[in-house]
Amino acid sequence: MNEQDRNQRIPLSEIVNAIPIQPQYVLLIVTEKDGSRQRVVHCDLREFGEALAIYDGANQYLRGEA
């Protein structure tokens, strides 16, 4: 992830507040980048709360907090 991508991360609270009706399930997609190419390495249907927890945990890890 480059510096520009890090600066464009949306805070979790902003995502939750922007959704008027929370979905029951969301599609979770994990990608990896190799040079200029990006590919999907995992795709899964998750409950909304679980997906938000994964998103929050990933952001903490990327910030070096986990």
C-alpha atoms as a PDB file:
ATOM      1  CA  MET A   1       0.000   0.000   0.000  1.00  0.00           C
ATOM      2  CA  ASN A   2       1.513   3.323  -0.991  1.00  0.00           C
ATOM      3  CA  GLU A   3       1.319   6.593   0.931  1.00  0.00           C
ATOM      4  CA  GLN A   4      -1.546   7.906  -1.197  1.00  0.00           C
ATOM      5  CA  ASP A   5      -3.641   4.787  -0.437  1.00  0.00           C
ATOM      6  CA  ARG A   6      -2.978   5.176   3.304  1.00  0.00           C
ATOM      7  CA  ASN A   7      -4.199   8.760   3.228  1.00  0.00           C
ATOM      8  CA  GLN A   8      -7.424   7.736   1.473  1.00  0.00           C
ATOM      9  CA  ARG A   9      -8.549   5.153   4.059  1.00  0.00           C
ATOM     10  CA  ILE A  10     -12.018   5.943   5.313  1.00  0.00           C
ATOM     11  CA  PRO A  11     -12.499   5.859   9.107  1.00  0.00           C
ATOM     12  CA  LEU A  12     -14.747   3.017  10.270  1.00  0.00           C
ATOM     13  CA  SER A  13     -17.104   5.392  12.087  1.00  0.00           C
ATOM     14  CA  GLU A  14     -17.630   7.345   8.863  1.00  0.00           C
ATOM     15  CA  ILE A  15     -18.565   4.177   6.974  1.00  0.00           C
ATOM     16  CA  VAL A  16     -21.059   3.067   9.625  1.00  0.00           C
ATOM     17  CA  ASN A  17     -22.646   6.528   9.900  1.00  0.00           C
ATOM     18  CA  ALA A  18     -22.983   6.851   6.112  1.00  0.00           C
ATOM     19  CA  ILE A  19     -25.124   3.714   5.819  1.00  0.00           C
ATOM     20  CA  PRO A  20     -28.742   4.556   6.724  1.00  0.00           C
ATOM     21  CA  ILE A  21     -29.827   0.902   6.880  1.00  0.00           C
ATOM     22  CA  GLN A  22     -27.118  -1.570   7.798  1.00  0.00           C
ATOM     23  CA  PRO A  23     -27.017  -4.676   5.616  1.00  0.00           C
ATOM     24  CA  GLN A  24     -27.106  -8.128   7.153  1.00  0.00           C
ATOM     25  CA  TYR A  25     -24.276  -9.426   4.953  1.00  0.00           C
ATOM     26  CA  VAL A  26     -21.481  -7.853   2.914  1.00  0.00           C
ATOM     27  CA  LEU A  27     -19.055  -9.226   0.357  1.00  0.00           C
ATOM     28  CA  LEU A  28     -15.505  -9.164   1.722  1.00  0.00           C
ATOM     29  CA  ILE A  29     -12.807  -9.066  -0.970  1.00  0.00           C
ATOM     30  CA  VAL A  30      -9.081  -9.318  -0.215  1.00  0.00           C
ATOM     31  CA  THR A  31      -6.577  -8.359  -2.904  1.00  0.00           C
ATOM     32  CA  GLU A  32      -2.823  -8.337  -3.216  1.00  0.00           C
ATOM     33  CA  LYS A  33      -0.704  -6.160  -5.433  1.00  0.00           C
ATOM     34  CA  ASP A  34       2.324  -7.417  -7.351  1.00  0.00           C
ATOM     35  CA  GLY A  35       4.001  -4.532  -9.128  1.00  0.00           C
ATOM     36  CA  SER A  36       1.355  -2.882 -11.281  1.00  0.00           C
ATOM     37  CA  ARG A  37      -1.023  -5.869 -11.136  1.00  0.00           C
ATOM     38  CA  GLN A  38      -3.627  -6.506  -8.478  1.00  0.00           C
ATOM     39  CA  ARG A  39      -5.506  -9.772  -7.982  1.00  0.00           C
ATOM     40  CA  VAL A  40      -8.232 -11.131  -5.723  1.00  0.00           C
ATOM     41  CA  VAL A  41      -6.828 -13.667  -3.257  1.00  0.00           C
ATOM     42  CA  HIS A  42      -9.930 -14.188  -1.106  1.00  0.00           C
ATOM     43  CA  CYS A  43     -13.635 -13.484  -1.446  1.00  0.00           C
ATOM     44  CA  ASP A  44     -16.219 -14.301   1.212  1.00  0.00           C
ATOM     45  CA  LEU A  45     -19.726 -13.364   2.316  1.00  0.00           C
ATOM     46  CA  ARG A  46     -19.626 -12.125   5.939  1.00  0.00           C
ATOM     47  CA  GLU A  47     -22.062 -10.737   8.462  1.00  0.00           C
ATOM     48  CA  PHE A  48     -21.916  -6.938   8.509  1.00  0.00           C
ATOM     49  CA  GLY A  49     -20.547  -6.607  12.064  1.00  0.00           C
ATOM     50  CA  GLU A  50     -17.872  -9.219  11.446  1.00  0.00           C
ATOM     51  CA  ALA A  51     -16.772  -7.498   8.234  1.00  0.00           C
ATOM     52  CA  LEU A  52     -16.471  -4.159  10.061  1.00  0.00           C
ATOM     53  CA  ALA A  53     -14.350  -5.817  12.750  1.00  0.00           C
ATOM     54  CA  ILE A  54     -12.067  -7.280  10.063  1.00  0.00           C
ATOM     55  CA  TYR A  55     -11.785  -3.841   8.419  1.00  0.00           C
ATOM     56  CA  ASP A  56     -10.953  -2.207  11.753  1.00  0.00           C
ATOM     57  CA  GLY A  57      -8.371  -4.877  12.605  1.00  0.00           C
ATOM     58  CA  ALA A  58      -6.696  -4.571   9.212  1.00  0.00           C
ATOM     59  CA  ASN A  59      -6.422  -0.799   9.582  1.00  0.00           C
ATOM     60  CA  GLN A  60      -4.933  -1.148  13.075  1.00  0.00           C
ATOM     61  CA  TYR A  61      -2.390  -3.624  11.715  1.00  0.00           C
ATOM     62  CA  LEU A  62      -1.440  -1.293   8.845  1.00  0.00           C
ATOM     63  CA  ARG A  63      -0.993   1.589  11.307  1.00  0.00           C
ATOM     64  CA  GLY A  64       1.248  -0.632  13.449  1.00  0.00           C
ATOM     65  CA  GLU A  65      -1.179  -0.657  16.382  1.00  0.00           C
ATOM     66  CA  ALA A  66      -1.864  -4.407  16.439  1.00  0.00           C
END
